[in-house]
Protein backbone atom coordinates (compact mmCIF):
# COMPACT_ATOMS: atom_id res chain seq x y z
CA UNK A 1 27.88 11.29 16.85
CA UNK A 2 25.78 11.36 13.76
CA UNK A 3 25.42 14.03 11.55
CA UNK A 4 21.77 15.59 11.16
CA UNK A 5 22.22 18.03 8.33
CA UNK A 6 23.61 21.14 7.27
CA UNK A 7 22.27 24.65 7.46
CA UNK A 8 23.76 27.58 5.42
CA UNK A 9 23.22 30.42 8.02
CA UNK A 10 25.32 29.96 10.96
CA UNK A 11 22.74 32.19 12.94
CA UNK A 12 20.02 29.96 12.14
CA UNK A 13 22.06 26.87 12.93
CA UNK A 14 22.85 28.18 16.45
CA UNK A 15 19.07 29.10 16.89
CA UNK A 16 18.18 25.47 15.97
CA UNK A 17 20.82 24.06 18.47
CA UNK A 18 19.48 26.29 21.22
CA UNK A 19 16.11 25.17 20.53
CA UNK A 20 17.15 21.28 20.49
CA UNK A 21 19.09 21.92 23.79
CA UNK A 22 15.68 22.99 25.45
CA UNK A 23 14.41 19.73 24.10
CA UNK A 24 17.14 17.90 25.91
CA UNK A 25 18.75 17.24 22.66
CA UNK A 26 22.60 18.05 22.74
CA UNK A 27 24.37 18.72 19.37
CA UNK A 28 27.80 20.27 17.96
CA UNK A 29 28.06 22.84 15.33
CA UNK A 30 30.79 22.13 12.55
CA UNK A 31 31.70 25.25 10.44
CA UNK A 32 31.82 24.15 6.62
CA UNK A 33 32.06 25.94 3.48
CA UNK A 34 28.51 25.31 2.98
CA UNK A 35 27.38 26.65 6.35
CA UNK A 36 27.27 24.83 9.64
CA UNK A 37 26.97 20.98 10.04
CA UNK A 38 24.96 19.82 12.88
CA UNK A 39 25.92 16.60 14.85
CA UNK A 40 23.75 14.88 17.10
CA UNK A 41 26.07 13.59 20.20
CA UNK A 42 23.54 10.76 21.45
CA UNK A 43 22.48 8.42 18.69
CA UNK A 44 19.14 7.69 20.70
CA UNK A 45 18.13 11.49 19.94
CA UNK A 46 18.66 10.95 16.23
CA UNK A 47 15.23 10.31 15.10
CA UNK A 48 13.52 13.05 17.08
CA UNK A 49 15.99 15.52 15.94
CA UNK A 50 15.32 14.64 12.72
CA UNK A 51 11.88 15.36 12.91
CA UNK A 52 12.68 18.76 14.64
CA UNK A 53 15.02 19.59 11.62
CA UNK A 54 12.50 18.92 9.15
CA UNK A 55 9.95 21.47 11.35
CA UNK A 56 12.83 24.04 11.67
CA UNK A 57 13.79 24.15 7.77
CA UNK A 58 9.99 24.42 6.88
CA UNK A 59 9.69 27.67 9.15
CA UNK A 60 13.08 28.74 10.64
CA UNK A 61 11.79 31.95 11.68
CA UNK A 62 8.92 30.88 13.92
CA UNK A 63 8.60 32.66 17.33
CA UNK A 64 9.17 29.21 18.89
CA UNK A 65 12.85 29.31 17.57
CA UNK A 66 13.39 33.03 18.37
CA UNK A 67 12.67 32.46 22.20
CA UNK A 68 14.76 29.34 22.75
CA UNK A 69 18.11 31.37 22.89
CA UNK A 70 17.31 32.57 26.52
CA UNK A 71 16.18 29.35 27.79
CA UNK A 72 19.08 27.49 26.40
CA UNK A 73 21.54 29.97 27.97
CA UNK A 74 20.01 29.15 31.18
CA UNK A 75 20.56 25.62 30.65
CA UNK A 76 24.08 26.19 29.64
CA UNK A 77 24.73 28.29 32.88
CA UNK A 78 23.11 25.37 34.85
CA UNK A 79 25.40 22.85 33.30
CA UNK A 80 28.50 24.70 33.85
CA UNK A 81 27.54 25.08 37.49
CA UNK A 82 27.05 21.23 37.88
CA UNK A 83 30.29 20.67 36.12
CA UNK A 84 32.11 22.96 38.45
CA UNK A 85 30.28 21.10 41.40
CA UNK A 86 31.56 17.80 40.01
CA UNK A 87 35.12 19.10 39.93
CA UNK A 88 34.82 20.38 43.35
CA UNK A 89 33.43 16.64 44.44
CA UNK A 90 36.28 15.02 42.38
CA UNK A 91 38.83 17.37 44.25
CA UNK A 92 37.34 16.44 47.43
CA UNK A 93 37.43 12.68 46.88
CA UNK A 94 40.90 12.69 45.79
CA UNK A 95 42.15 14.54 48.98
CA UNK A 96 40.88 11.52 50.97
CA UNK A 97 43.64 9.45 49.66
CA UNK A 98 45.91 11.16 52.10
CA UNK A 99 43.63 9.60 54.90
CA UNK A 100 44.21 6.06 55.55
CA UNK A 101 42.31 3.37 53.56
CA UNK A 102 40.70 2.12 56.72
CA UNK A 103 39.04 5.25 57.49
CA UNK A 104 37.95 6.55 53.80
CA UNK A 105 36.96 3.06 52.58
CA UNK A 106 36.57 0.33 55.04
CA UNK A 107 34.65 -2.28 52.73
CA UNK A 108 37.44 -2.01 49.97
CA UNK A 109 40.07 -2.65 52.63
CA UNK A 110 37.97 -5.53 54.09
CA UNK A 111 37.67 -7.12 50.36
CA UNK A 112 41.42 -6.73 49.65
CA UNK A 113 42.38 -8.15 53.10
CA UNK A 114 39.81 -11.19 52.74
CA UNK A 115 41.23 -11.71 49.17
CA UNK A 116 44.87 -11.85 50.66
CA UNK A 117 43.86 -14.11 53.46
CA UNK A 118 41.84 -16.67 51.20
CA UNK A 119 45.15 -16.64 48.73
CA UNK A 120 47.39 -17.61 51.49
CA UNK A 121 44.89 -20.37 52.85
CA UNK A 122 44.49 -21.82 49.32
CA UNK A 123 48.11 -21.26 48.26
CA UNK A 124 46.82 -19.03 45.35
CA UNK A 125 44.45 -21.85 44.18
CA UNK A 126 46.92 -24.67 44.43
CA UNK A 127 45.05 -26.21 47.28
CA UNK A 128 42.04 -27.46 45.86
CA UNK A 129 40.63 -28.89 49.11
CA UNK A 130 40.60 -25.52 50.65
CA UNK A 131 39.52 -23.97 47.37
CA UNK A 132 36.29 -26.10 47.75
CA UNK A 133 35.43 -24.35 50.82
CA UNK A 134 35.15 -20.95 49.08
CA UNK A 135 33.67 -22.11 45.82
CA UNK A 136 30.21 -21.61 44.57
CA UNK A 137 29.18 -25.10 45.25
CA UNK A 138 31.52 -27.87 47.16
CA UNK A 139 33.29 -30.24 44.86
CA UNK A 140 35.73 -33.10 44.67
CA UNK A 141 38.38 -33.89 42.39
CA UNK A 142 39.16 -37.43 41.44
CA UNK A 143 42.17 -37.84 38.83
CA UNK A 144 40.99 -35.53 35.92
CA UNK A 145 37.21 -35.27 36.87
CA UNK A 146 35.35 -32.80 38.87
CA UNK A 147 32.43 -34.05 40.77
CA UNK A 148 29.72 -31.69 42.18
CA UNK A 149 26.14 -31.31 42.14
CA UNK A 150 24.46 -28.16 40.74
CA UNK A 151 22.97 -27.35 44.48
CA UNK A 152 25.29 -29.70 46.57
CA UNK A 153 24.49 -28.28 49.98
CA UNK A 154 21.63 -25.85 48.89
CA UNK A 155 22.47 -22.24 48.73
CA UNK A 156 19.86 -21.69 51.20
CA UNK A 157 22.14 -23.61 53.68
CA UNK A 158 25.31 -22.12 52.62
CA UNK A 159 24.52 -18.55 51.10
CA UNK A 160 28.11 -17.33 51.64
CA UNK A 161 29.04 -19.60 48.83
CA UNK A 162 27.04 -17.21 46.38
CA UNK A 163 29.98 -14.25 47.36
CA UNK A 164 33.07 -16.12 48.43
CA UNK A 165 34.21 -17.29 44.98
CA UNK A 166 35.30 -13.43 44.48
CA UNK A 167 38.01 -14.01 47.05
CA UNK A 168 39.63 -16.94 45.30
CA UNK A 169 42.49 -15.99 43.09
CA UNK A 170 44.65 -18.37 40.92
CA UNK A 171 48.18 -17.11 40.87
CA UNK A 172 50.14 -14.01 41.77
CA UNK A 173 49.37 -11.84 38.82
CA UNK A 174 45.58 -12.80 39.14
CA UNK A 175 45.52 -11.23 42.55
CA UNK A 176 47.81 -8.38 41.81
CA UNK A 177 45.76 -7.27 38.71
CA UNK A 178 42.46 -7.28 40.69
CA UNK A 179 43.72 -5.76 43.95
CA UNK A 180 45.20 -3.01 42.02
CA UNK A 181 42.06 -2.21 40.46
CA UNK A 182 40.08 -2.41 43.57
CA UNK A 183 42.50 0.24 45.12
CA UNK A 184 41.65 2.52 42.26
CA UNK A 185 38.12 2.09 42.08
CA UNK A 186 36.55 0.92 45.19
CA UNK A 187 37.43 3.96 47.27
CA UNK A 188 36.09 6.38 44.78
CA UNK A 189 32.63 4.90 45.08
CA UNK A 190 32.77 3.96 48.68
CA UNK A 191 33.92 7.50 49.61
CA UNK A 192 31.26 9.12 47.39
CA UNK A 193 28.24 6.86 47.98
CA UNK A 194 28.95 5.52 51.64
CA UNK A 195 30.27 2.14 52.85
CA UNK A 196 26.88 0.58 53.41
CA UNK A 197 25.61 1.40 50.16
CA UNK A 198 28.99 0.20 48.57
CA UNK A 199 28.64 -2.81 50.44
CA UNK A 200 25.26 -3.76 49.18
CA UNK A 201 26.45 -2.65 45.53
CA UNK A 202 29.23 -5.10 45.93
CA UNK A 203 27.39 -7.89 46.91
CA UNK A 204 24.82 -7.62 44.22
CA UNK A 205 27.54 -7.58 41.60
CA UNK A 206 29.26 -10.64 43.31
CA UNK A 207 26.28 -12.55 43.28
CA UNK A 208 25.13 -12.01 39.85
CA UNK A 209 28.45 -12.10 38.27
CA UNK A 210 29.39 -15.59 40.06
CA UNK A 211 26.08 -17.07 38.98
CA UNK A 212 26.52 -15.84 35.46
CA UNK A 213 30.09 -17.71 35.47
CA UNK A 214 28.48 -20.80 36.94
CA UNK A 215 25.65 -21.41 35.19
CA UNK A 216 27.20 -20.61 31.43
CA UNK A 217 30.80 -20.75 31.95
CA UNK A 218 33.06 -23.81 31.44
CA UNK A 219 34.38 -25.42 34.43
CA UNK A 220 31.46 -25.49 36.69
CA UNK A 221 32.55 -24.45 40.07
CA UNK A 222 36.15 -24.26 39.12
CA UNK A 223 36.27 -20.40 39.07
CA UNK A 224 37.11 -17.18 41.26
CA UNK A 225 38.41 -13.94 41.28
CA UNK A 226 37.59 -10.31 42.12
CA UNK A 227 37.45 -9.24 38.57
CA UNK A 228 33.61 -9.74 37.86
CA UNK A 229 33.28 -7.21 40.94
CA UNK A 230 36.08 -4.86 39.43
CA UNK A 231 34.08 -4.65 36.10
CA UNK A 232 30.89 -3.83 37.86
CA UNK A 233 32.62 -0.93 39.51
CA UNK A 234 34.30 0.06 36.48
CA UNK A 235 30.81 -0.08 34.60
CA UNK A 236 29.10 2.12 37.30
CA UNK A 237 31.73 4.67 37.13
CA UNK A 238 31.87 4.61 33.32
CA UNK A 239 28.20 5.37 33.21
CA UNK A 240 28.23 7.75 35.66
CA UNK A 241 31.03 10.06 34.16
CA UNK A 242 29.66 9.67 30.83
CA UNK A 243 25.92 10.36 31.54
CA UNK A 244 25.98 12.34 34.75
CA UNK A 245 28.80 14.87 34.55
CA UNK A 246 27.75 16.46 37.98
CA UNK A 247 28.06 13.03 40.00
CA UNK A 248 31.74 13.52 40.73
CA UNK A 249 32.83 10.28 39.03
CA UNK A 250 35.29 10.55 36.22
CA UNK A 251 37.20 8.06 34.11
CA UNK A 252 39.87 8.89 31.47
CA UNK A 253 39.52 7.66 27.87
CA UNK A 254 42.79 5.88 28.45
CA UNK A 255 41.22 3.81 31.36
CA UNK A 256 38.11 2.86 29.40
CA UNK A 257 40.04 1.75 26.36
CA UNK A 258 42.31 -0.47 28.50
CA UNK A 259 39.43 -1.96 30.37
CA UNK A 260 37.42 -2.81 27.38
CA UNK A 261 40.34 -3.91 25.57
CA UNK A 262 41.65 -6.27 28.09
CA UNK A 263 37.76 -7.61 28.40
CA UNK A 264 38.01 -8.43 24.65
CA UNK A 265 41.32 -9.91 24.92
CA UNK A 266 40.34 -12.34 27.59
CA UNK A 267 37.25 -13.58 25.47
CA UNK A 268 39.78 -14.49 22.64
CA UNK A 269 41.44 -17.31 25.02
CA UNK A 270 44.97 -15.82 24.27
CA UNK A 271 45.79 -15.14 28.06
CA UNK A 272 44.55 -18.54 29.01
CA UNK A 273 41.12 -19.69 30.96
CA UNK A 274 39.47 -16.72 32.18
CA UNK A 275 36.02 -16.18 33.77
CA UNK A 276 34.72 -14.15 31.15
CA UNK A 277 30.97 -14.62 31.82
CA UNK A 278 31.87 -13.22 35.63
CA UNK A 279 33.52 -10.38 33.68
CA UNK A 280 30.22 -9.78 31.56
CA UNK A 281 27.92 -10.22 34.22
CA UNK A 282 29.73 -7.91 36.44
CA UNK A 283 30.08 -5.23 33.57
CA UNK A 284 26.31 -5.42 32.62
CA UNK A 285 25.35 -4.96 36.49
CA UNK A 286 27.50 -2.24 37.02
CA UNK A 287 26.38 -0.35 33.65
CA UNK A 288 22.56 -0.78 34.72
CA UNK A 289 23.20 0.46 38.18
CA UNK A 290 25.32 3.39 36.98
CA UNK A 291 22.92 4.24 33.95
CA UNK A 292 19.42 3.53 35.31
CA UNK A 293 18.70 6.75 37.57
CA UNK A 294 19.72 9.22 34.58
CA UNK A 295 17.85 7.16 32.34
CA UNK A 296 14.75 7.06 34.55
CA UNK A 297 14.94 10.85 34.65
CA UNK A 298 14.95 11.08 31.05
CA UNK A 299 12.04 8.92 30.68
CA UNK A 300 10.00 10.90 33.16
CA UNK A 301 10.83 14.07 31.31
CA UNK A 302 9.84 12.63 28.25
CA UNK A 303 6.45 11.32 29.53
CA UNK A 304 5.94 14.84 31.11
CA UNK A 305 6.41 16.37 27.60
CA UNK A 306 4.06 14.08 26.09
CA UNK A 307 1.13 15.31 28.48
């Protein structure tokens, strides 16, 4: 939040806050010995709020401000209704945990099962010959050197290679961490958005995060893991819970702090070689997919007001 200014008259401050709410700008009022401090919750709204603040201080008793209270109360009532619906949706989703995973989230179950099967086949990454069948391009290892071509067989002939690196895992803790988060995040989105939509969503994250790691990360095709998808799911739910409280998605602040903290820790290299570009690519895709609908609606509302 950013402080906008202070108004000595508390009633005038509330009147101004009501007016800003009708403009789609949410603020918080903080009582102070000088009056009421006004804080803008979204920094993107700071500049238009400053313009409105200047106009209000010049003419605080204008009719336009007097009439804002009724409309603002209607908006608050509508927001309370959406929040209540979101709570109901959240409860409905959580009760689905009592059902079998295969019924409520078959795509998530498939992703977990495929990861376990590939882990067994590749001996958790120790079998490099088997790893090469699932890598983004085929490769050979001779001594300490890895030989591959950027498009060794052509993705048009082996398109599955754009996806299959997500099933590769290198070590017990690697797969355990990723599967734990898939169980937490996958069913929440799949049960809410539907299995087909979730499948397409997961494919998009997998392909783009794999390409990001392949093109910009070290090691060429020697990478794998579901963590890019996990961060994509996290980014999606994070944006929905933050900007669309009526969507039914929710993440605790501790979860957000933990995921972002782990993301940063991995980038330092302290925990060893990590597919950081896959993490980043997945997170960016998830954030875009989660944020875009509400952002698009805001842009359309702004465009309508400008006409």
